[in-house]
């Protein structure tokens, strides 16, 4: 099997290898240097720092109420003027 590296440094992995090793878009791969060869190994997805913090926040109050406490009450919305008929 053969592939060519693009001008951007990208490499197309042949379909036979992608199918055999389950290499889909977004799959993490690791490269290892062995004497005069390069070994590409399928890896496990690594945790991004944001992923470790991601979760669900449970609040005691609704968000609007918390914001009102922090910022002060919101100004009243102006009423829409009713269209008047001219005769």
N, C-alpha and C. Protein backbone atom coordinates (compact mmCIF):
# COMPACT_ATOMS: atom_id res chain seq x y z
N UNK A 1 0.85 -1.18 0.00
CA UNK A 1 0.00 0.00 0.00
C UNK A 1 0.89 1.23 0.00
N UNK A 2 0.36 2.29 -0.58
CA UNK A 2 1.18 3.48 -0.76
C UNK A 2 0.28 4.71 -0.65
N UNK A 3 0.84 5.80 -0.11
CA UNK A 3 0.13 7.08 -0.02
C UNK A 3 1.16 8.19 -0.11
N UNK A 4 0.71 9.39 -0.40
CA UNK A 4 1.60 10.54 -0.55
C UNK A 4 1.21 11.63 0.45
N UNK A 5 2.20 12.23 1.07
CA UNK A 5 1.95 13.32 2.02
C UNK A 5 1.65 14.59 1.22
N UNK A 6 0.59 15.31 1.62
CA UNK A 6 0.22 16.54 0.92
C UNK A 6 1.13 17.69 1.32
N UNK A 7 0.99 18.83 0.65
CA UNK A 7 1.80 20.01 0.96
C UNK A 7 1.51 20.53 2.37
N UNK A 8 0.35 20.16 2.93
CA UNK A 8 0.00 20.56 4.30
C UNK A 8 0.44 19.53 5.33
N UNK A 9 1.14 18.48 4.89
CA UNK A 9 1.60 17.46 5.81
C UNK A 9 0.55 16.41 6.11
N UNK A 10 -0.53 16.38 5.34
CA UNK A 10 -1.60 15.42 5.57
C UNK A 10 -1.32 14.13 4.79
N UNK A 11 -1.77 13.04 5.37
CA UNK A 11 -1.54 11.73 4.77
C UNK A 11 -2.88 11.00 4.67
N UNK A 12 -3.16 10.43 3.51
CA UNK A 12 -4.37 9.63 3.34
C UNK A 12 -4.05 8.19 3.69
N UNK A 13 -4.78 7.65 4.67
CA UNK A 13 -4.58 6.26 5.07
C UNK A 13 -5.45 5.40 4.15
N UNK A 14 -4.87 4.40 3.51
CA UNK A 14 -5.63 3.56 2.60
C UNK A 14 -6.86 2.93 3.28
N UNK A 15 -7.93 2.77 2.52
CA UNK A 15 -9.20 2.26 3.04
C UNK A 15 -9.05 0.90 3.71
N UNK A 16 -8.18 0.05 3.16
CA UNK A 16 -7.98 -1.28 3.75
C UNK A 16 -7.50 -1.17 5.20
N UNK A 17 -6.59 -0.23 5.45
CA UNK A 17 -6.07 -0.04 6.82
C UNK A 17 -7.12 0.59 7.72
N UNK A 18 -7.86 1.59 7.18
CA UNK A 18 -8.90 2.24 7.99
C UNK A 18 -9.95 1.21 8.42
N UNK A 19 -10.37 0.37 7.48
CA UNK A 19 -11.38 -0.64 7.80
C UNK A 19 -10.84 -1.68 8.80
N UNK A 20 -9.66 -2.16 8.54
CA UNK A 20 -9.09 -3.22 9.40
C UNK A 20 -8.85 -2.77 10.83
N UNK A 21 -8.40 -1.51 11.01
CA UNK A 21 -8.04 -1.04 12.34
C UNK A 21 -9.05 -0.06 12.94
N UNK A 22 -10.17 0.14 12.26
CA UNK A 22 -11.21 1.02 12.80
C UNK A 22 -10.77 2.47 12.89
N UNK A 23 -10.08 2.94 11.87
CA UNK A 23 -9.60 4.32 11.86
C UNK A 23 -10.63 5.19 11.15
N UNK A 24 -11.36 5.94 11.91
CA UNK A 24 -12.38 6.84 11.36
C UNK A 24 -11.93 8.28 11.58
N UNK A 25 -12.64 9.22 10.98
CA UNK A 25 -12.31 10.64 11.17
C UNK A 25 -12.33 10.96 12.67
N UNK A 26 -11.32 11.63 13.13
CA UNK A 26 -11.22 12.01 14.54
C UNK A 26 -10.49 10.99 15.41
N UNK A 27 -10.11 9.85 14.83
CA UNK A 27 -9.37 8.84 15.60
C UNK A 27 -7.98 9.37 15.93
N UNK A 28 -7.58 9.23 17.18
CA UNK A 28 -6.25 9.66 17.60
C UNK A 28 -5.24 8.60 17.17
N UNK A 29 -4.13 9.06 16.59
CA UNK A 29 -3.04 8.15 16.24
C UNK A 29 -1.75 8.68 16.86
N UNK A 30 -0.88 7.76 17.21
CA UNK A 30 0.42 8.11 17.77
C UNK A 30 1.50 7.66 16.80
N UNK A 31 2.55 8.45 16.66
CA UNK A 31 3.67 8.11 15.79
C UNK A 31 4.87 7.80 16.66
N UNK A 32 5.58 6.75 16.28
CA UNK A 32 6.76 6.33 17.02
C UNK A 32 7.90 6.14 16.02
N UNK A 33 9.08 6.61 16.37
CA UNK A 33 10.24 6.45 15.50
C UNK A 33 10.98 5.18 15.89
N UNK A 34 11.20 4.31 14.90
CA UNK A 34 11.93 3.06 15.11
C UNK A 34 13.07 3.00 14.11
N UNK A 35 14.28 3.27 14.56
CA UNK A 35 15.45 3.30 13.69
C UNK A 35 15.18 4.13 12.44
N UNK A 36 14.98 3.49 11.30
CA UNK A 36 14.74 4.24 10.06
C UNK A 36 13.29 4.08 9.58
N UNK A 37 12.38 3.84 10.51
CA UNK A 37 10.97 3.66 10.15
C UNK A 37 10.09 4.48 11.10
N UNK A 38 8.86 4.67 10.69
CA UNK A 38 7.86 5.36 11.52
C UNK A 38 6.70 4.40 11.74
N UNK A 39 6.31 4.23 12.99
CA UNK A 39 5.19 3.36 13.34
C UNK A 39 4.00 4.24 13.69
N UNK A 40 2.87 3.98 13.04
CA UNK A 40 1.63 4.71 13.37
C UNK A 40 0.76 3.75 14.16
N UNK A 41 0.36 4.17 15.35
CA UNK A 41 -0.40 3.30 16.24
C UNK A 41 -1.71 3.99 16.63
N UNK A 42 -2.81 3.24 16.57
CA UNK A 42 -4.10 3.77 16.99
C UNK A 42 -4.05 4.00 18.49
N UNK A 43 -4.51 5.17 18.91
CA UNK A 43 -4.49 5.50 20.32
C UNK A 43 -5.88 5.78 20.85
N UNK A 44 -5.95 5.88 22.14
CA UNK A 44 -7.21 6.23 22.80
C UNK A 44 -7.35 7.75 22.78
N UNK A 45 -8.58 8.24 22.66
CA UNK A 45 -8.76 9.69 22.70
C UNK A 45 -8.28 10.24 24.04
N UNK A 46 -7.52 11.30 23.98
CA UNK A 46 -7.01 11.92 25.20
C UNK A 46 -8.01 12.95 25.69
N UNK A 47 -8.08 13.10 26.98
CA UNK A 47 -8.99 14.08 27.55
C UNK A 47 -8.47 15.49 27.29
N UNK A 48 -9.32 16.31 26.77
CA UNK A 48 -9.03 17.73 26.64
C UNK A 48 -9.33 18.35 28.00
N UNK A 49 -8.57 19.35 28.45
CA UNK A 49 -8.83 19.94 29.77
C UNK A 49 -10.27 20.38 29.96
N UNK A 50 -10.90 20.88 28.92
CA UNK A 50 -12.29 21.32 29.04
C UNK A 50 -13.21 20.12 29.26
N UNK A 51 -12.91 18.99 28.60
CA UNK A 51 -13.73 17.79 28.77
C UNK A 51 -13.73 17.32 30.22
N UNK A 52 -12.66 17.51 30.94
CA UNK A 52 -12.60 17.09 32.33
C UNK A 52 -13.50 17.95 33.21
N UNK A 53 -13.74 19.19 32.79
CA UNK A 53 -14.59 20.09 33.57
C UNK A 53 -16.05 20.04 33.15
N UNK A 54 -16.32 19.49 31.98
CA UNK A 54 -17.66 19.48 31.42
C UNK A 54 -18.58 18.65 32.30
N UNK A 55 -19.75 19.16 32.51
CA UNK A 55 -20.73 18.44 33.32
C UNK A 55 -22.01 19.25 33.40
N UNK A 56 -22.79 18.93 34.37
CA UNK A 56 -24.06 19.62 34.54
C UNK A 56 -24.01 20.38 35.85
N UNK A 57 -24.39 21.62 35.79
CA UNK A 57 -24.40 22.48 36.95
C UNK A 57 -25.79 22.47 37.56
N UNK A 58 -25.88 22.16 38.83
CA UNK A 58 -27.17 22.18 39.51
C UNK A 58 -27.24 23.44 40.35
N UNK A 59 -28.26 24.22 40.12
CA UNK A 59 -28.42 25.49 40.82
C UNK A 59 -29.60 25.44 41.78
N UNK A 60 -29.50 26.21 42.84
CA UNK A 60 -30.59 26.26 43.81
C UNK A 60 -31.72 27.16 43.35
N UNK A 61 -31.40 28.09 42.44
CA UNK A 61 -32.38 29.07 41.97
C UNK A 61 -32.33 29.13 40.46
N UNK A 62 -33.35 29.69 39.84
CA UNK A 62 -33.30 29.90 38.39
C UNK A 62 -32.19 30.89 38.03
N UNK A 63 -31.63 30.74 36.86
CA UNK A 63 -30.52 31.59 36.41
C UNK A 63 -30.93 33.06 36.42
N UNK A 64 -32.13 33.40 35.96
CA UNK A 64 -32.57 34.80 35.94
C UNK A 64 -32.56 35.41 37.33
N UNK A 65 -32.97 34.63 38.32
CA UNK A 65 -32.98 35.14 39.69
C UNK A 65 -31.57 35.39 40.20
N UNK A 66 -30.64 34.51 39.88
CA UNK A 66 -29.24 34.68 40.29
C UNK A 66 -28.65 35.92 39.61
N UNK A 67 -28.94 36.10 38.32
CA UNK A 67 -28.44 37.28 37.61
C UNK A 67 -29.02 38.56 38.18
N UNK A 68 -30.29 38.54 38.53
CA UNK A 68 -30.91 39.73 39.16
C UNK A 68 -30.22 40.07 40.47
N UNK A 69 -29.85 39.07 41.24
CA UNK A 69 -29.14 39.31 42.50
C UNK A 69 -27.76 39.91 42.26
N UNK A 70 -27.09 39.43 41.21
CA UNK A 70 -25.74 39.91 40.92
C UNK A 70 -25.74 41.29 40.29
N UNK A 71 -26.65 41.53 39.37
CA UNK A 71 -26.66 42.78 38.60
C UNK A 71 -27.67 43.79 39.10
N UNK A 72 -28.59 43.34 39.89
CA UNK A 72 -29.71 44.20 40.28
C UNK A 72 -30.88 43.89 39.36
N UNK A 73 -32.07 44.33 39.75
CA UNK A 73 -33.25 44.02 38.95
C UNK A 73 -33.15 44.61 37.55
N UNK A 74 -33.74 43.91 36.61
CA UNK A 74 -33.75 44.39 35.23
C UNK A 74 -34.73 45.53 35.09
N UNK A 75 -34.42 46.50 34.23
CA UNK A 75 -35.36 47.60 34.01
C UNK A 75 -36.63 47.05 33.35
N UNK A 76 -37.73 47.71 33.65
CA UNK A 76 -39.00 47.30 33.06
C UNK A 76 -38.94 47.51 31.56
N UNK A 77 -39.56 46.61 30.84
CA UNK A 77 -39.59 46.74 29.39
C UNK A 77 -40.59 47.82 29.01
N UNK A 78 -40.23 48.65 28.03
CA UNK A 78 -41.19 49.67 27.60
C UNK A 78 -42.38 48.99 26.93
N UNK A 79 -43.55 49.55 27.19
CA UNK A 79 -44.76 48.99 26.59
C UNK A 79 -44.82 49.39 25.13
N UNK A 80 -45.37 48.50 24.34
CA UNK A 80 -45.54 48.82 22.93
C UNK A 80 -46.72 49.76 22.79
N UNK A 81 -46.55 50.77 21.96
CA UNK A 81 -47.63 51.73 21.73
C UNK A 81 -48.66 51.10 20.82
N UNK A 82 -49.90 51.31 21.15
CA UNK A 82 -50.98 50.80 20.32
C UNK A 82 -51.18 51.76 19.16
N UNK A 83 -51.44 51.20 18.03
CA UNK A 83 -51.73 52.02 16.86
C UNK A 83 -53.10 52.66 17.03
N UNK A 84 -53.17 53.95 16.75
CA UNK A 84 -54.46 54.65 16.85
C UNK A 84 -55.01 54.86 15.46
N UNK A 85 -56.32 54.79 15.38
CA UNK A 85 -56.98 55.01 14.10
C UNK A 85 -57.22 56.49 13.87
N UNK A 86 -56.98 56.91 12.68
CA UNK A 86 -57.30 58.29 12.32
C UNK A 86 -58.56 58.27 11.48
N UNK A 87 -59.42 59.17 11.76
CA UNK A 87 -60.66 59.22 10.99
C UNK A 87 -60.72 60.40 10.09
